[in-house]
Amino acid sequence: MYSNDFSACLPILEKHNCEYEVLAEDKEFRGLFFQNEDMKRNFEAYPEIVLLDGTYKLLNFNGVVYLFIVEDSIGSSEIIAVGILVGEIKEYVNWLISTFKSISYASTHFLC
């Protein structure tokens, strides 16, 4: 059975060594950003262009799943971060992008 119990996903993210941030307003879930070590390595290897794509009504609460993507050296897409928002609201999208920048650029040592 599927549930909208957001707190149930946090142990899974922790189990897979994901770094994550949660957006809440008045103790209500509004967004989630997460990134694991493989995603960070892909970003570190191909930081030139970052694409952001949203898929709507994918989850049972009709949220938006955003994928941060880069293209590798053979033209394949690599996911470098994931965001989930309750809606496409400017403030939420700004939070998602700012969170990506603060986490990804702070922990990355670009290859030269």
Foldseek 3Di string as FASTA:
>chain_A
DDDPPPVVCVVVCVVQQKDKDFDDDPNHGFKMKIFHPVLLVVCLAFVPDWDKDWDFLPDPLGWIKIFIWGADPVGDIDTNMIMIGSDDDPVVVVVRVVVCCVVNVVPHDHDD
